[in-house]
PDB file of all heavy atoms in Angstrom:
ATOM      1  N   LEU A   1      -5.039  -1.321  -5.773  1.00  0.00           N
ATOM      2  CA  LEU A   1      -4.091  -1.782  -4.767  1.00  0.00           C
ATOM      3  C   LEU A   1      -3.780  -3.247  -5.028  1.00  0.00           C
ATOM      4  O   LEU A   1      -4.699  -4.061  -5.132  1.00  0.00           O
ATOM      5  CB  LEU A   1      -4.651  -1.620  -3.356  1.00  0.00           C
ATOM      6  CG  LEU A   1      -5.137  -0.230  -2.941  1.00  0.00           C
ATOM      7  CD1 LEU A   1      -5.719  -0.281  -1.535  1.00  0.00           C
ATOM      8  CD2 LEU A   1      -3.999   0.785  -3.009  1.00  0.00           C
ATOM      9  N   THR A   2      -2.509  -3.600  -5.140  1.00  0.00           N
ATOM     10  CA  THR A   2      -2.085  -4.988  -5.305  1.00  0.00           C
ATOM     11  C   THR A   2      -1.507  -5.475  -3.991  1.00  0.00           C
ATOM     12  O   THR A   2      -0.525  -4.915  -3.483  1.00  0.00           O
ATOM     13  CB  THR A   2      -1.048  -5.130  -6.424  1.00  0.00           C
ATOM     14  OG1 THR A   2      -1.609  -4.645  -7.652  1.00  0.00           O
ATOM     15  CG2 THR A   2      -0.653  -6.591  -6.610  1.00  0.00           C
ATOM     16  N   LEU A   3      -2.135  -6.514  -3.440  1.00  0.00           N
ATOM     17  CA  LEU A   3      -1.764  -7.050  -2.135  1.00  0.00           C
ATOM     18  C   LEU A   3      -1.197  -8.448  -2.316  1.00  0.00           C
ATOM     19  O   LEU A   3      -1.873  -9.327  -2.844  1.00  0.00           O
ATOM     20  CB  LEU A   3      -2.996  -7.084  -1.230  1.00  0.00           C
ATOM     21  CG  LEU A   3      -2.809  -7.440   0.236  1.00  0.00           C
ATOM     22  CD1 LEU A   3      -2.013  -6.353   0.946  1.00  0.00           C
ATOM     23  CD2 LEU A   3      -4.173  -7.615   0.909  1.00  0.00           C
ATOM     24  N   SER A   4       0.060  -8.655  -1.906  1.00  0.00           N
ATOM     25  CA  SER A   4       0.720  -9.951  -2.040  1.00  0.00           C
ATOM     26  C   SER A   4       0.566 -10.741  -0.747  1.00  0.00           C
ATOM     27  O   SER A   4       0.869 -10.235   0.336  1.00  0.00           O
ATOM     28  CB  SER A   4       2.209  -9.775  -2.356  1.00  0.00           C
ATOM     29  OG  SER A   4       2.370  -9.130  -3.606  1.00  0.00           O
ATOM     30  N   ASN A   5       0.100 -11.987  -0.873  1.00  0.00           N
ATOM     31  CA  ASN A   5      -0.118 -12.840   0.294  1.00  0.00           C
ATOM     32  C   ASN A   5       1.170 -13.609   0.601  1.00  0.00           C
ATOM     33  O   ASN A   5       1.268 -14.812   0.356  1.00  0.00           O
ATOM     34  CB  ASN A   5      -1.283 -13.798   0.032  1.00  0.00           C
ATOM     35  CG  ASN A   5      -1.665 -14.582   1.271  1.00  0.00           C
ATOM     36  OD1 ASN A   5      -1.159 -14.334   2.358  1.00  0.00           O
ATOM     37  ND2 ASN A   5      -2.556 -15.536   1.108  1.00  0.00           N
ATOM     38  N   MET A   6       2.152 -12.889   1.149  1.00  0.00           N
ATOM     39  CA  MET A   6       3.443 -13.478   1.475  1.00  0.00           C
ATOM     40  C   MET A   6       3.846 -13.065   2.882  1.00  0.00           C
ATOM     41  O   MET A   6       3.427 -12.016   3.383  1.00  0.00           O
ATOM     42  CB  MET A   6       4.514 -13.022   0.471  1.00  0.00           C
ATOM     43  CG  MET A   6       4.230 -13.435  -0.962  1.00  0.00           C
ATOM     44  SD  MET A   6       5.557 -12.885  -2.073  1.00  0.00           S
ATOM     45  CE  MET A   6       4.934 -13.500  -3.658  1.00  0.00           C
ATOM     46  N   GLU A   7       4.681 -13.886   3.516  1.00  0.00           N
ATOM     47  CA  GLU A   7       5.117 -13.605   4.877  1.00  0.00           C
ATOM     48  C   GLU A   7       5.885 -12.292   4.962  1.00  0.00           C
ATOM     49  O   GLU A   7       5.726 -11.528   5.916  1.00  0.00           O
ATOM     50  CB  GLU A   7       5.975 -14.758   5.399  1.00  0.00           C
ATOM     51  CG  GLU A   7       5.193 -16.058   5.608  1.00  0.00           C
ATOM     52  CD  GLU A   7       6.064 -17.172   6.138  1.00  0.00           C
ATOM     53  OE1 GLU A   7       7.276 -16.914   6.368  1.00  0.00           O
ATOM     54  OE2 GLU A   7       5.551 -18.290   6.331  1.00  0.00           O
ATOM     55  N   LYS A   8       6.728 -12.015   3.962  1.00  0.00           N
ATOM     56  CA  LYS A   8       7.502 -10.773   3.981  1.00  0.00           C
ATOM     57  C   LYS A   8       6.609  -9.546   3.841  1.00  0.00           C
ATOM     58  O   LYS A   8       7.051  -8.421   4.092  1.00  0.00           O
ATOM     59  CB  LYS A   8       8.550 -10.781   2.871  1.00  0.00           C
ATOM     60  CG  LYS A   8       7.971 -10.807   1.461  1.00  0.00           C
ATOM     61  CD  LYS A   8       9.086 -10.813   0.415  1.00  0.00           C
ATOM     62  CE  LYS A   8       8.524 -10.796  -1.001  1.00  0.00           C
ATOM     63  NZ  LYS A   8       9.605 -10.809  -2.027  1.00  0.00           N
ATOM     64  N   ASN A   9       5.361  -9.763   3.447  1.00  0.00           N
ATOM     65  CA  ASN A   9       4.394  -8.677   3.309  1.00  0.00           C
ATOM     66  C   ASN A   9       3.422  -8.640   4.478  1.00  0.00           C
ATOM     67  O   ASN A   9       2.393  -7.977   4.420  1.00  0.00           O
ATOM     68  CB  ASN A   9       3.622  -8.819   1.986  1.00  0.00           C
ATOM     69  CG  ASN A   9       2.935  -7.535   1.578  1.00  0.00           C
ATOM     70  OD1 ASN A   9       3.506  -6.456   1.714  1.00  0.00           O
ATOM     71  ND2 ASN A   9       1.716  -7.647   1.090  1.00  0.00           N
ATOM     72  N   GLY A  10       3.723  -9.394   5.541  1.00  0.00           N
ATOM     73  CA  GLY A  10       2.870  -9.402   6.723  1.00  0.00           C
ATOM     74  C   GLY A  10       1.740 -10.396   6.667  1.00  0.00           C
ATOM     75  O   GLY A  10       0.890 -10.413   7.568  1.00  0.00           O
ATOM     76  N   LEU A  11       1.702 -11.255   5.630  1.00  0.00           N
ATOM     77  CA  LEU A  11       0.600 -12.201   5.478  1.00  0.00           C
ATOM     78  C   LEU A  11       1.138 -13.631   5.437  1.00  0.00           C
ATOM     79  O   LEU A  11       1.555 -14.164   6.445  1.00  0.00           O
ATOM     80  CB  LEU A  11      -0.216 -11.866   4.227  1.00  0.00           C
ATOM     81  CG  LEU A  11      -1.017 -10.559   4.306  1.00  0.00           C
ATOM     82  CD1 LEU A  11      -1.585 -10.178   2.951  1.00  0.00           C
ATOM     83  CD2 LEU A  11      -2.133 -10.696   5.327  1.00  0.00           C
ATOM     84  N   GLY A  12       1.076 -14.306   4.283  1.00  0.00           N
ATOM     85  CA  GLY A  12       1.513 -15.688   4.195  1.00  0.00           C
ATOM     86  C   GLY A  12       0.535 -16.643   4.837  1.00  0.00           C
ATOM     87  O   GLY A  12       0.913 -17.664   5.404  1.00  0.00           O
ATOM     88  N   ILE A  13      -0.776 -16.313   4.755  1.00  0.00           N
ATOM     89  CA  ILE A  13      -1.840 -17.145   5.321  1.00  0.00           C
ATOM     90  C   ILE A  13      -2.915 -17.330   4.262  1.00  0.00           C
ATOM     91  O   ILE A  13      -3.001 -16.561   3.302  1.00  0.00           O
ATOM     92  CB  ILE A  13      -2.450 -16.487   6.577  1.00  0.00           C
ATOM     93  CG1 ILE A  13      -2.865 -15.039   6.267  1.00  0.00           C
ATOM     94  CG2 ILE A  13      -1.466 -16.526   7.742  1.00  0.00           C
ATOM     95  CD1 ILE A  13      -3.443 -14.287   7.437  1.00  0.00           C
ATOM     96  N   SER A  14      -3.747 -18.351   4.416  1.00  0.00           N
ATOM     97  CA  SER A  14      -4.835 -18.577   3.470  1.00  0.00           C
ATOM     98  C   SER A  14      -5.930 -17.546   3.711  1.00  0.00           C
ATOM     99  O   SER A  14      -6.486 -17.471   4.814  1.00  0.00           O
ATOM    100  CB  SER A  14      -5.395 -19.991   3.631  1.00  0.00           C
ATOM    101  OG  SER A  14      -4.403 -20.945   3.365  1.00  0.00           O
ATOM    102  N   LEU A  15      -6.238 -16.759   2.697  1.00  0.00           N
ATOM    103  CA  LEU A  15      -7.240 -15.703   2.829  1.00  0.00           C
ATOM    104  C   LEU A  15      -8.539 -16.143   2.169  1.00  0.00           C
ATOM    105  O   LEU A  15      -8.582 -16.336   0.951  1.00  0.00           O
ATOM    106  CB  LEU A  15      -6.740 -14.413   2.183  1.00  0.00           C
ATOM    107  CG  LEU A  15      -5.483 -13.797   2.795  1.00  0.00           C
ATOM    108  CD1 LEU A  15      -5.052 -12.571   2.004  1.00  0.00           C
ATOM    109  CD2 LEU A  15      -5.702 -13.440   4.254  1.00  0.00           C
ATOM    110  N   PRO A  16      -9.622 -16.325   2.944  1.00  0.00           N
ATOM    111  CA  PRO A  16     -10.906 -16.691   2.346  1.00  0.00           C
ATOM    112  C   PRO A  16     -11.450 -15.565   1.472  1.00  0.00           C
ATOM    113  O   PRO A  16     -11.075 -14.404   1.621  1.00  0.00           O
ATOM    114  CB  PRO A  16     -11.816 -16.932   3.563  1.00  0.00           C
ATOM    115  CG  PRO A  16     -10.906 -17.006   4.739  1.00  0.00           C
ATOM    116  CD  PRO A  16      -9.692 -16.193   4.398  1.00  0.00           C
ATOM    117  N   ALA A  17     -12.347 -15.920   0.569  1.00  0.00           N
ATOM    118  CA  ALA A  17     -13.007 -14.903  -0.246  1.00  0.00           C
ATOM    119  C   ALA A  17     -13.892 -14.028   0.635  1.00  0.00           C
ATOM    120  O   ALA A  17     -14.417 -14.468   1.655  1.00  0.00           O
ATOM    121  CB  ALA A  17     -13.842 -15.575  -1.337  1.00  0.00           C
ATOM    122  N   GLY A  18     -14.048 -12.775   0.242  1.00  0.00           N
ATOM    123  CA  GLY A  18     -14.903 -11.878   1.017  1.00  0.00           C
ATOM    124  C   GLY A  18     -14.859 -10.462   0.495  1.00  0.00           C
ATOM    125  O   GLY A  18     -14.221 -10.156  -0.512  1.00  0.00           O
ATOM    126  N   LYS A  19     -15.549  -9.590   1.200  1.00  0.00           N
ATOM    127  CA  LYS A  19     -15.577  -8.168   0.850  1.00  0.00           C
ATOM    128  C   LYS A  19     -14.478  -7.449   1.613  1.00  0.00           C
ATOM    129  O   LYS A  19     -14.275  -7.695   2.806  1.00  0.00           O
ATOM    130  CB  LYS A  19     -16.935  -7.549   1.190  1.00  0.00           C
ATOM    131  CG  LYS A  19     -17.036  -6.072   0.820  1.00  0.00           C
ATOM    132  CD  LYS A  19     -18.431  -5.515   1.087  1.00  0.00           C
ATOM    133  CE  LYS A  19     -18.646  -5.288   2.562  1.00  0.00           C
ATOM    134  NZ  LYS A  19     -19.881  -4.527   2.850  1.00  0.00           N
ATOM    135  N   VAL A  20     -13.764  -6.555   0.910  1.00  0.00           N
ATOM    136  CA  VAL A  20     -12.709  -5.755   1.533  1.00  0.00           C
ATOM    137  C   VAL A  20     -13.170  -4.307   1.588  1.00  0.00           C
ATOM    138  O   VAL A  20     -13.369  -3.674   0.548  1.00  0.00           O
ATOM    139  CB  VAL A  20     -11.390  -5.862   0.749  1.00  0.00           C
ATOM    140  CG1 VAL A  20     -10.294  -5.075   1.460  1.00  0.00           C
ATOM    141  CG2 VAL A  20     -10.972  -7.324   0.583  1.00  0.00           C
ATOM    142  N   GLU A  21     -13.348  -3.803   2.791  1.00  0.00           N
ATOM    143  CA  GLU A  21     -13.679  -2.397   2.981  1.00  0.00           C
ATOM    144  C   GLU A  21     -12.376  -1.629   3.192  1.00  0.00           C
ATOM    145  O   GLU A  21     -11.516  -2.047   3.962  1.00  0.00           O
ATOM    146  CB  GLU A  21     -14.604  -2.214   4.187  1.00  0.00           C
ATOM    147  CG  GLU A  21     -15.949  -2.913   4.022  1.00  0.00           C
ATOM    148  CD  GLU A  21     -16.828  -2.785   5.248  1.00  0.00           C
ATOM    149  OE1 GLU A  21     -16.301  -2.342   6.303  1.00  0.00           O
ATOM    150  OE2 GLU A  21     -18.005  -3.117   5.169  1.00  0.00           O
ATOM    151  N   ILE A  22     -12.228  -0.498   2.501  1.00  0.00           N
ATOM    152  CA  ILE A  22     -10.971   0.247   2.505  1.00  0.00           C
ATOM    153  C   ILE A  22     -11.183   1.599   3.181  1.00  0.00           C
ATOM    154  O   ILE A  22     -12.154   2.315   2.878  1.00  0.00           O
ATOM    155  CB  ILE A  22     -10.443   0.429   1.068  1.00  0.00           C
ATOM    156  CG1 ILE A  22     -10.305  -0.947   0.387  1.00  0.00           C
ATOM    157  CG2 ILE A  22      -9.103   1.151   1.074  1.00  0.00           C
ATOM    158  CD1 ILE A  22      -9.959  -0.870  -1.078  1.00  0.00           C
ATOM    159  N   TYR A  23     -10.278   1.933   4.089  1.00  0.00           N
ATOM    160  CA  TYR A  23     -10.357   3.178   4.846  1.00  0.00           C
ATOM    161  C   TYR A  23      -9.026   3.924   4.737  1.00  0.00           C
ATOM    162  O   TYR A  23      -7.982   3.319   4.526  1.00  0.00           O
ATOM    163  CB  TYR A  23     -10.661   2.899   6.324  1.00  0.00           C
ATOM    164  CG  TYR A  23     -11.984   2.210   6.563  1.00  0.00           C
ATOM    165  CD1 TYR A  23     -12.095   0.826   6.427  1.00  0.00           C
ATOM    166  CD2 TYR A  23     -13.113   2.933   6.924  1.00  0.00           C
ATOM    167  CE1 TYR A  23     -13.306   0.180   6.640  1.00  0.00           C
ATOM    168  CE2 TYR A  23     -14.325   2.300   7.144  1.00  0.00           C
ATOM    169  CZ  TYR A  23     -14.416   0.924   7.001  1.00  0.00           C
ATOM    170  OH  TYR A  23     -15.620   0.290   7.209  1.00  0.00           O
ATOM    171  N   ALA A  24      -9.092   5.230   4.896  1.00  0.00           N
ATOM    172  CA  ALA A  24      -7.891   6.068   4.901  1.00  0.00           C
ATOM    173  C   ALA A  24      -7.960   7.014   6.088  1.00  0.00           C
ATOM    174  O   ALA A  24      -9.055   7.393   6.537  1.00  0.00           O
ATOM    175  CB  ALA A  24      -7.753   6.850   3.597  1.00  0.00           C
TER     176      ALA A  24
END
């Protein structure tokens, strides 16, 4: 999964390092 840290993608904020748990 490629996640873009941009406002048009719902983000555009500084994301700290960490673990990402993925659910479906």
